[in-house]
Amino acid sequence: MDQSIVFDLDLIKRYDKSGPRYTSYPTALELHEGFGEAEYLRHIQKSNAAGGPLSLYFHIPFCDTVCFYCACNKIVTKNRAHAVPYLDNLCKEIEMQGKLFDNSRPVNQLHWGGGTPTFLNYQQMKRLMETTREHFNLHDDDSGEYSIEVDPRETNDLTIAQLRELGFNRISLGLQDFDPDVQKAVNRLQSKEQTFAVLEAARKEGFRSTNIDLIYGLPLQTVNSFADTLDQVLAYAPDRFSIFNYAHMPSRFKTQRQINDADLPTSAVKLEILQMVGQKLTDAGYVYIGMDHFAKPDDELAVAQREGKLYRNFQGYSTHSDCDLVGLGVTSIGRVGDAYMQNYKELDEYDAAISQGKLPVFRGVDLDQDDKLRRAVITQLICHFELTFSKIETEFAINFAEYFAPELENLRLMKADGLLDLNADGIQVSTAGRLLIRNICMVFDKYLAQKQQQFSKVI
């Protein structure tokens, strides 16, 4: 398939509005507290009956210092002792959850996120992985997709070797920007030497995929300054890039109030940066996966997209659409059976549930048939930029044109604008429409009208 993009400034300006990133459908805003432990247990039973591999996500919420742009669920502390009771609780949750899932089900995907997972020391990380192996069926032959997010400021050659020993084979490095003025403005001071030493160590230890996270739209950024950062990273040729649009929402995220609004680049500058990023990465041989993600053509994400096997979950793009996702730790979200569920967001509530021997699930949502249908449509579009109506009709026993008559009317307007091609057989997103794939997916979101203002801008 064609994995290129075209930057159409006029289209982007017209369609740049707020909308979900669709790491799930329905989005996390639809989770409610009427869904608890009993409902989760019911879906685990259905999941075990269906069988299949599992995916595990572990949330390690601690950070040593706060980055002002951050919108993640984190706990900022320099006191490493705070990790001890949390790790105890997390290991207890692993044991509780592990007993509920059929142990014959292999864990094909595992991810540690945060926060900063490397806030934990080696003995703590080893304990966490050993506890997971004791209660879940992890691969021993390095065939699983086991990934971790790291902060290069808290990682060195020894840490990387230890992570590889523990079974991790994919790694994502947080960077955001090398410009010293930008780093000061967002309170994240990080040198090139630190960053590239970790990247090189990961390659030396045999990590099969390396990713660099960058953010555009941060205070004091310019097209030239961000181009300089990008050039420096391109010289080391990571396998993937995640280049996110900074969503400035200080009313929701207190740490963002430390950022001076006057220092933020204008919308026009952000668009110039985005255009520059697309051009540089395309010229360097990377392909556009979608939703801020680029990868080398031989990377497993790019291959999965060409083969029609790409999927999207709460960690972003994935090659494992067949896995139920088990969320572990404070605030983590899972997808098991026909439901999404989330653990308590506050440490004291999480601790109280674990202490009582209860699963720390506090909200969730059951998907009805319409939810599953719309999820299938959105997933296909956001992962592969195309949709064949007959496949959806066969799977869900509907007539697509009748079921989605209002949505198809909206798509005809997008067709007239050049975002997509639409005919009786299906939808084909244009190269110019790929940067606006969220807008196309939003047409099929029945919940969006009441919630749109709570999401970030598309571009």
Protein backbone atom coordinates (compact mmCIF):
# COMPACT_ATOMS: atom_id res chain seq x y z
CA MET A 1 0.00 0.00 0.00
CA ASP A 2 0.98 3.65 -0.42
CA GLN A 3 2.20 4.88 3.01
CA SER A 4 2.94 8.48 2.03
CA ILE A 5 1.23 11.74 3.01
CA VAL A 6 0.51 15.04 1.32
CA PHE A 7 0.44 18.28 3.31
CA ASP A 8 -2.54 20.39 2.21
CA LEU A 9 -2.45 23.59 4.28
CA ASP A 10 -5.91 24.74 3.23
CA LEU A 11 -7.50 21.43 4.16
CA ILE A 12 -5.73 21.31 7.52
CA LYS A 13 -6.84 24.84 8.44
CA ARG A 14 -10.45 24.03 7.60
CA TYR A 15 -10.54 20.76 9.50
CA ASP A 16 -8.33 21.56 12.50
CA LYS A 17 -10.79 21.10 15.35
CA SER A 18 -10.90 19.12 18.59
CA GLY A 19 -11.41 15.38 18.54
CA PRO A 20 -10.42 12.03 20.09
CA ARG A 21 -7.24 10.11 19.33
CA TYR A 22 -9.31 6.88 19.24
CA THR A 23 -7.03 4.66 21.28
CA SER A 24 -10.42 3.14 22.05
CA TYR A 25 -14.00 3.41 20.92
CA PRO A 26 -16.00 4.37 22.83
CA THR A 27 -13.40 6.70 24.31
CA ALA A 28 -12.45 6.69 28.00
CA LEU A 29 -14.96 9.50 28.60
CA GLU A 30 -17.75 6.91 28.34
CA LEU A 31 -16.42 4.80 31.24
CA HIS A 32 -18.75 5.04 34.25
CA GLU A 33 -18.77 3.92 37.88
CA GLY A 34 -21.74 1.63 37.35
CA PHE A 35 -19.18 -0.85 36.03
CA GLY A 36 -17.08 -2.50 38.76
CA GLU A 37 -15.46 -5.74 39.87
CA ALA A 38 -18.49 -7.96 39.21
CA GLU A 39 -18.83 -6.74 35.63
CA TYR A 40 -15.09 -7.16 35.06
CA LEU A 41 -15.21 -10.77 36.31
CA ARG A 42 -18.07 -11.50 33.92
CA HIS A 43 -16.02 -10.27 30.96
CA ILE A 44 -12.95 -12.24 32.06
CA GLN A 45 -15.08 -15.40 31.95
CA LYS A 46 -16.15 -14.55 28.40
CA SER A 47 -12.55 -13.79 27.49
CA ASN A 48 -11.29 -17.13 28.82
CA ALA A 49 -14.04 -18.95 26.95
CA ALA A 50 -12.93 -17.29 23.71
CA GLY A 51 -9.25 -17.90 24.47
CA GLY A 52 -6.39 -16.28 22.62
CA PRO A 53 -3.25 -14.42 23.68
CA LEU A 54 -3.05 -11.56 26.17
CA SER A 55 -1.48 -8.13 26.32
CA LEU A 56 -0.38 -6.65 29.68
CA TYR A 57 0.03 -2.97 30.50
CA PHE A 58 1.72 -1.86 33.75
CA HIS A 59 1.46 1.75 34.95
CA ILE A 60 4.46 2.99 36.95
CA PRO A 61 3.31 6.48 37.96
CA PHE A 62 6.46 7.98 39.49
CA CYS A 63 8.66 10.73 38.04
CA ASP A 64 11.71 12.36 39.60
CA THR A 65 10.89 15.81 38.18
CA VAL A 66 7.82 17.32 36.55
CA CYS A 67 7.76 18.22 32.84
CA PHE A 68 5.41 21.18 32.53
CA TYR A 69 3.78 19.92 29.31
CA CYS A 70 2.85 16.54 30.78
CA ALA A 71 -0.79 15.40 30.74
CA CYS A 72 -0.08 11.88 32.01
CA ASN A 73 -1.22 10.39 35.30
CA LYS A 74 1.95 10.72 37.34
CA ILE A 75 3.31 11.25 40.86
CA VAL A 76 6.29 13.58 41.05
CA THR A 77 8.69 12.75 43.88
CA LYS A 78 12.40 12.44 44.54
CA ASN A 79 11.75 10.01 47.37
CA ARG A 80 12.36 6.56 45.87
CA ALA A 81 10.88 4.95 48.98
CA HIS A 82 7.41 5.89 47.67
CA ALA A 83 7.76 3.12 45.10
CA VAL A 84 8.02 0.38 47.75
CA PRO A 85 4.36 0.19 48.91
CA TYR A 86 3.16 0.73 45.36
CA LEU A 87 5.24 -2.17 44.09
CA ASP A 88 3.89 -4.38 46.89
CA ASN A 89 0.34 -3.54 45.82
CA LEU A 90 1.10 -4.00 42.14
CA CYS A 91 2.52 -7.47 42.78
CA LYS A 92 -0.61 -8.35 44.76
CA GLU A 93 -2.78 -7.16 41.88
CA ILE A 94 -0.74 -9.24 39.42
CA GLU A 95 -1.39 -12.30 41.58
CA MET A 96 -5.13 -11.54 41.82
CA GLN A 97 -5.53 -10.89 38.12
CA GLY A 98 -3.31 -13.82 37.12
CA LYS A 99 -5.58 -16.26 38.96
CA LEU A 100 -8.54 -15.09 36.87
CA PHE A 101 -7.05 -15.63 33.43
CA ASP A 102 -6.41 -19.03 31.89
CA ASN A 103 -2.67 -19.63 32.32
CA SER A 104 -2.44 -21.37 28.95
CA ARG A 105 -2.98 -18.00 27.25
CA PRO A 106 0.40 -16.61 26.17
CA VAL A 107 1.29 -12.97 26.79
CA ASN A 108 2.25 -11.79 23.31
CA GLN A 109 2.56 -8.14 24.29
CA LEU A 110 3.75 -6.43 27.47
CA HIS A 111 4.35 -2.75 28.14
CA TRP A 112 5.61 -0.71 31.09
CA GLY A 113 4.55 2.93 30.93
CA GLY A 114 4.13 5.87 33.23
CA GLY A 115 5.42 8.09 34.68
CA THR A 116 8.92 6.77 34.39
CA PRO A 117 9.22 2.97 34.77
CA THR A 118 12.98 3.28 35.31
CA PHE A 119 12.16 5.19 38.52
CA LEU A 120 12.30 1.65 39.93
CA ASN A 121 15.73 0.21 40.69
CA TYR A 122 16.95 -3.05 39.17
CA GLN A 123 15.88 -5.27 42.09
CA GLN A 124 12.40 -3.75 42.01
CA MET A 125 12.09 -4.20 38.24
CA LYS A 126 13.33 -7.77 38.57
CA ARG A 127 10.77 -8.49 41.26
CA LEU A 128 7.99 -7.03 39.12
CA MET A 129 8.93 -9.11 36.08
CA GLU A 130 9.43 -12.31 38.13
CA THR A 131 6.01 -11.85 39.75
CA THR A 132 4.48 -11.38 36.31
CA ARG A 133 6.15 -14.57 35.03
CA GLU A 134 4.87 -16.46 38.06
CA HIS A 135 1.24 -15.54 37.41
CA PHE A 136 1.03 -15.05 33.64
CA ASN A 137 2.32 -17.12 30.73
CA LEU A 138 5.20 -14.99 29.40
CA HIS A 139 7.31 -16.10 26.46
CA ASP A 140 10.83 -17.33 27.28
CA ASP A 141 12.16 -17.24 23.72
CA ASP A 142 12.16 -13.47 23.12
CA SER A 143 9.27 -13.82 20.67
CA GLY A 144 6.94 -11.59 22.69
CA GLU A 145 6.63 -7.87 21.99
CA TYR A 146 7.82 -6.58 25.38
CA SER A 147 8.37 -2.83 25.52
CA ILE A 148 9.24 -0.12 28.02
CA GLU A 149 9.26 3.68 28.11
CA VAL A 150 12.48 5.19 29.49
CA ASP A 151 13.74 8.62 30.47
CA PRO A 152 17.35 8.85 29.16
CA ARG A 153 18.18 11.11 32.09
CA GLU A 154 17.59 8.17 34.44
CA THR A 155 19.01 5.42 32.25
CA ASN A 156 22.52 4.25 31.44
CA ASP A 157 24.30 1.32 29.77
CA LEU A 158 23.85 -0.88 32.84
CA THR A 159 20.11 -0.14 33.05
CA ILE A 160 19.66 -1.01 29.38
CA ALA A 161 21.53 -4.31 29.82
CA GLN A 162 19.36 -5.11 32.84
CA LEU A 163 16.15 -4.34 30.94
CA ARG A 164 17.24 -6.65 28.14
CA GLU A 165 18.03 -9.36 30.67
CA LEU A 166 14.53 -8.99 32.11
CA GLY A 167 13.05 -9.72 28.68
CA PHE A 168 12.38 -6.31 27.15
CA ASN A 169 13.12 -6.11 23.43
CA ARG A 170 11.51 -2.81 22.40
CA ILE A 171 12.21 0.60 23.87
CA SER A 172 10.84 4.13 23.64
CA LEU A 173 12.94 7.13 24.64
CA GLY A 174 11.36 10.37 25.79
CA LEU A 175 13.08 13.44 24.33
CA GLN A 176 10.63 16.15 23.11
CA ASP A 177 13.23 18.79 22.05
CA PHE A 178 16.98 19.45 22.26
CA ASP A 179 16.78 23.24 22.15
CA PRO A 180 18.07 24.53 25.54
CA ASP A 181 15.56 27.39 25.74
CA VAL A 182 12.65 25.04 25.05
CA GLN A 183 13.98 22.56 27.61
CA LYS A 184 14.14 25.27 30.27
CA ALA A 185 10.64 26.47 29.42
CA VAL A 186 9.18 22.98 29.99
CA ASN A 187 11.52 21.98 32.86
CA ARG A 188 13.10 19.06 31.04
CA LEU A 189 16.87 19.44 30.72
CA GLN A 190 18.26 16.56 28.68
CA SER A 191 21.52 16.38 26.75
CA LYS A 192 22.23 14.84 23.37
CA GLU A 193 24.94 12.72 24.99
CA GLN A 194 22.48 11.18 27.48
CA THR A 195 19.88 10.49 24.82
CA PHE A 196 22.08 8.96 22.15
CA ALA A 197 24.11 6.92 24.64
CA VAL A 198 20.88 5.18 25.66
CA LEU A 199 19.83 4.68 22.03
CA GLU A 200 23.19 3.16 21.13
CA ALA A 201 23.17 0.95 24.24
CA ALA A 202 19.73 -0.37 23.29
CA ARG A 203 21.02 -1.35 19.86
CA LYS A 204 24.11 -2.95 21.34
CA GLU A 205 21.98 -5.05 23.69
CA GLY A 206 19.77 -6.25 20.84
CA PHE A 207 16.56 -4.28 21.32
CA ARG A 208 14.61 -4.95 18.14
CA SER A 209 12.80 -1.61 17.94
CA THR A 210 13.80 1.86 19.11
CA ASN A 211 11.39 4.80 19.26
CA ILE A 212 11.99 8.50 19.94
CA ASP A 213 9.21 10.72 21.32
CA LEU A 214 9.14 14.35 20.19
CA ILE A 215 6.55 17.09 20.80
CA TYR A 216 5.84 20.05 18.53
CA GLY A 217 4.04 23.17 19.74
CA LEU A 218 6.10 23.61 22.94
CA PRO A 219 6.99 27.12 24.17
CA LEU A 220 9.75 28.95 22.27
CA GLN A 221 9.86 26.36 19.49
CA THR A 222 10.47 27.56 15.95
CA VAL A 223 10.56 25.72 12.66
CA ASN A 224 14.35 26.00 12.55
CA SER A 225 14.93 24.95 16.15
CA PHE A 226 12.73 21.87 15.83
CA ALA A 227 14.31 21.03 12.47
CA ASP A 228 17.69 21.08 14.21
CA THR A 229 16.45 18.63 16.86
CA LEU A 230 14.98 16.38 14.19
CA ASP A 231 18.19 16.41 12.14
CA GLN A 232 20.23 15.39 15.17
CA VAL A 233 17.92 12.45 15.90
CA LEU A 234 17.75 11.40 12.24
CA ALA A 235 21.52 11.04 12.26
CA TYR A 236 21.01 8.11 14.67
CA ALA A 237 18.09 6.67 12.65
CA PRO A 238 15.72 5.22 15.28
CA ASP A 239 13.25 2.66 13.97
CA ARG A 240 10.24 4.80 14.86
CA PHE A 241 9.23 8.35 15.67
CA SER A 242 6.26 9.48 17.74
CA ILE A 243 5.86 13.20 17.08
CA PHE A 244 2.96 14.57 19.06
CA ASN A 245 1.11 17.84 18.91
CA TYR A 246 1.31 19.58 22.29
CA ALA A 247 -2.22 20.12 23.62
CA HIS A 248 -2.17 23.14 25.93
CA MET A 249 -5.06 22.56 28.36
CA PRO A 250 -4.02 24.24 31.64
CA SER A 251 -7.58 24.17 32.97
CA ARG A 252 -7.35 20.35 33.04
CA PHE A 253 -3.65 19.80 33.77
CA LYS A 254 -2.19 21.88 36.60
CA THR A 255 1.45 21.46 35.60
CA GLN A 256 0.73 23.15 32.26
CA ARG A 257 -0.03 26.36 34.17
CA GLN A 258 3.74 26.74 34.59
CA ILE A 259 3.99 27.38 30.85
CA ASN A 260 3.83 30.98 29.66
CA ASP A 261 1.04 31.14 27.07
CA ALA A 262 2.81 33.99 25.27
CA ASP A 263 5.77 31.68 24.55
CA LEU A 264 3.68 29.13 22.67
CA PRO A 265 4.14 29.05 18.89
CA THR A 266 1.20 30.26 16.82
CA SER A 267 -1.04 27.85 14.94
CA ALA A 268 0.66 28.93 11.72
CA VAL A 269 4.11 28.07 13.11
CA LYS A 270 2.86 24.70 14.36
CA LEU A 271 1.59 23.90 10.88
CA GLU A 272 4.96 24.88 9.40
CA ILE A 273 6.69 22.59 11.89
CA LEU A 274 4.37 19.73 11.01
CA GLN A 275 4.96 20.22 7.31
CA MET A 276 8.72 20.28 7.86
CA VAL A 277 8.54 17.08 9.95
CA GLY A 278 6.59 15.22 7.29
CA GLN A 279 9.00 16.30 4.57
CA LYS A 280 12.17 15.47 6.50
CA LEU A 281 11.01 12.05 7.63
CA THR A 282 9.68 11.14 4.20
CA ASP A 283 12.98 12.24 2.62
CA ALA A 284 14.82 10.10 5.17
CA GLY A 285 12.84 7.02 4.10
CA TYR A 286 10.29 6.79 6.91
CA VAL A 287 6.64 6.01 6.19
CA TYR A 288 3.61 7.55 7.84
CA ILE A 289 1.80 5.02 10.02
CA GLY A 290 -0.81 7.52 11.16
CA MET A 291 -1.66 9.69 14.17
CA ASP A 292 1.80 11.25 14.65
CA HIS A 293 3.69 7.99 14.07
CA PHE A 294 6.40 7.34 11.50
CA ALA A 295 8.47 4.19 11.03
CA LYS A 296 11.09 2.67 8.79
CA PRO A 297 9.52 0.60 5.98
CA ASP A 298 10.82 -2.66 7.48
CA ASP A 299 9.60 -1.87 11.02
CA GLU A 300 6.92 -4.28 12.25
CA LEU A 301 4.31 -1.51 12.46
CA ALA A 302 4.87 -0.54 8.83
CA VAL A 303 4.79 -4.20 7.78
CA ALA A 304 1.61 -4.85 9.79
CA GLN A 305 -0.08 -1.87 8.15
CA ARG A 306 0.79 -3.10 4.65
CA GLU A 307 -0.50 -6.57 5.54
CA GLY A 308 -3.77 -5.20 7.00
CA LYS A 309 -2.90 -6.39 10.53
CA LEU A 310 -2.32 -3.09 12.32
CA TYR A 311 -4.39 -2.33 15.42
CA ARG A 312 -4.78 0.56 17.85
CA ASN A 313 -5.05 0.40 21.65
CA PHE A 314 -4.36 2.56 24.69
CA GLN A 315 -0.61 2.44 24.06
CA GLY A 316 -1.02 3.56 20.42
CA TYR A 317 -0.50 1.44 17.33
CA SER A 318 0.02 -2.28 17.83
CA THR A 319 0.54 -5.44 15.81
CA HIS A 320 -1.61 -7.52 18.17
CA SER A 321 -5.28 -7.02 17.39
CA ASP A 322 -6.07 -10.50 18.74
CA CYS A 323 -5.03 -9.75 22.34
CA ASP A 324 -7.26 -8.84 25.23
CA LEU A 325 -5.51 -6.09 27.19
CA VAL A 326 -5.12 -6.41 30.98
CA GLY A 327 -4.40 -3.11 32.72
CA LEU A 328 -2.36 -3.33 35.93
CA GLY A 329 -1.55 -0.57 38.40
CA VAL A 330 -3.10 2.74 39.34
CA THR A 331 -5.19 4.45 36.60
CA SER A 332 -4.45 1.76 33.96
CA ILE A 333 -7.13 0.91 31.41
CA GLY A 334 -7.81 -2.53 29.99
CA ARG A 335 -9.93 -4.05 27.25
CA VAL A 336 -11.24 -7.51 28.10
CA GLY A 337 -14.09 -9.23 26.32
CA ASP A 338 -16.59 -6.66 25.10
CA ALA A 339 -15.71 -4.01 27.68
CA TYR A 340 -13.19 -1.40 28.74
CA MET A 341 -12.30 -0.97 32.40
CA GLN A 342 -10.08 1.32 34.48
CA ASN A 343 -8.35 1.03 37.83
CA TYR A 344 -8.60 3.68 40.54
CA LYS A 345 -6.76 6.90 39.69
CA GLU A 346 -5.63 7.78 43.23
CA LEU A 347 -3.00 5.83 45.16
CA ASP A 348 -5.00 5.74 48.41
CA GLU A 349 -8.07 4.30 46.64
CA TYR A 350 -5.92 1.77 44.77
CA ASP A 351 -4.21 0.80 48.03
CA ALA A 352 -7.53 0.41 49.87
CA ALA A 353 -8.93 -1.95 47.23
CA ILE A 354 -5.81 -4.12 47.14
CA SER A 355 -5.65 -4.21 50.96
CA GLN A 356 -9.21 -5.59 51.00
CA GLY A 357 -8.35 -8.23 48.42
CA LYS A 358 -10.51 -6.55 45.79
CA LEU A 359 -9.72 -5.83 42.17
CA PRO A 360 -9.07 -2.07 41.92
CA VAL A 361 -11.48 -1.56 39.01
CA PHE A 362 -13.69 1.48 39.66
CA ARG A 363 -15.30 2.20 36.30
CA GLY A 364 -15.80 0.77 32.85
CA VAL A 365 -18.21 0.39 29.97
CA ASP A 366 -19.96 -2.54 28.30
CA LEU A 367 -19.95 -2.30 24.52
CA ASP A 368 -23.24 -2.89 22.78
CA GLN A 369 -23.49 -4.11 19.20
CA ASP A 370 -23.51 -0.58 17.80
CA ASP A 371 -20.34 0.26 19.76
CA LYS A 372 -18.56 -2.81 18.39
CA LEU A 373 -19.69 -1.99 14.85
CA ARG A 374 -18.49 1.60 15.05
CA ARG A 375 -15.25 0.50 16.70
CA ALA A 376 -14.56 -1.85 13.81
CA VAL A 377 -15.16 0.95 11.30
CA ILE A 378 -13.00 3.49 13.16
CA THR A 379 -10.20 0.99 13.79
CA GLN A 380 -10.03 0.00 10.13
CA LEU A 381 -9.91 3.63 9.00
CA ILE A 382 -7.40 4.87 11.55
CA CYS A 383 -5.05 1.93 11.00
CA HIS A 384 -5.32 1.34 7.25
CA PHE A 385 -6.90 4.47 5.74
CA GLU A 386 -9.48 2.40 3.89
CA LEU A 387 -12.69 0.51 4.53
CA THR A 388 -14.48 -2.15 2.50
CA PHE A 389 -18.20 -2.04 3.23
CA SER A 390 -18.82 -5.71 2.42
CA LYS A 391 -16.48 -6.87 5.19
CA ILE A 392 -18.37 -4.84 7.78
CA GLU A 393 -21.71 -5.97 6.36
CA THR A 394 -20.71 -9.64 6.60
CA GLU A 395 -19.33 -9.32 10.14
CA PHE A 396 -22.23 -7.34 11.60
CA ALA A 397 -25.16 -8.37 9.36
CA ILE A 398 -26.06 -4.84 8.30
CA ASN A 399 -26.54 -2.88 5.11
CA PHE A 400 -23.81 -0.25 5.40
CA ALA A 401 -25.50 2.37 3.22
CA GLU A 402 -28.73 2.12 5.22
CA TYR A 403 -27.18 1.89 8.68
CA PHE A 404 -24.78 4.78 8.14
CA ALA A 405 -26.87 6.95 5.81
CA PRO A 406 -26.28 10.21 7.78
CA GLU A 407 -22.57 9.46 8.14
CA LEU A 408 -22.19 8.82 4.41
CA GLU A 409 -23.76 12.23 3.71
CA ASN A 410 -21.05 13.85 5.84
CA LEU A 411 -18.38 11.81 4.07
CA ARG A 412 -19.59 13.10 0.71
CA LEU A 413 -18.68 16.60 1.88
CA MET A 414 -15.22 15.32 2.80
CA LYS A 415 -14.97 13.67 -0.59
CA ALA A 416 -15.73 17.00 -2.24
CA ASP A 417 -12.91 18.53 -0.17
CA GLY A 418 -10.45 15.87 -1.29
CA LEU A 419 -10.02 14.00 2.00
CA LEU A 420 -11.21 10.67 0.66
CA ASP A 421 -12.71 8.72 -2.19
CA LEU A 422 -16.16 7.28 -1.57
CA ASN A 423 -18.07 4.81 -3.72
CA ALA A 424 -20.53 1.95 -3.35
CA ASP A 425 -17.75 -0.43 -2.29
CA GLY A 426 -16.04 1.58 0.42
CA ILE A 427 -13.84 4.45 1.59
CA GLN A 428 -10.28 5.20 0.52
CA VAL A 429 -8.56 8.01 2.45
CA SER A 430 -6.45 10.24 0.21
CA THR A 431 -2.80 11.02 0.91
CA ALA A 432 -3.94 14.55 1.82
CA GLY A 433 -6.64 13.17 4.13
CA ARG A 434 -4.35 10.95 6.20
CA LEU A 435 -3.19 13.77 8.47
CA LEU A 436 -6.89 14.40 9.17
CA ILE A 437 -7.87 10.79 9.79
CA ARG A 438 -9.28 11.73 13.20
CA ASN A 439 -11.82 13.98 11.47
CA ILE A 440 -12.94 11.14 9.23
CA CYS A 441 -13.29 8.77 12.18
CA MET A 442 -15.24 11.41 14.12
CA VAL A 443 -18.05 11.11 11.56
CA PHE A 444 -18.81 7.62 12.97
CA ASP A 445 -18.61 8.62 16.67
CA LYS A 446 -22.13 8.73 18.10
CA TYR A 447 -20.92 10.12 21.46
CA LEU A 448 -18.90 13.01 20.13
CA ALA A 449 -21.45 15.82 19.98
CA GLN A 450 -21.68 16.15 23.77
CA LYS A 451 -17.95 15.62 24.48
CA GLN A 452 -15.98 17.30 21.66
CA GLN A 453 -14.75 20.24 23.74
CA GLN A 454 -12.93 17.85 26.09
CA PHE A 455 -10.47 16.68 23.42
CA SER A 456 -7.32 18.22 21.98
CA LYS A 457 -7.01 19.80 18.53
CA VAL A 458 -6.46 17.39 15.65
CA ILE A 459 -3.40 19.30 14.35
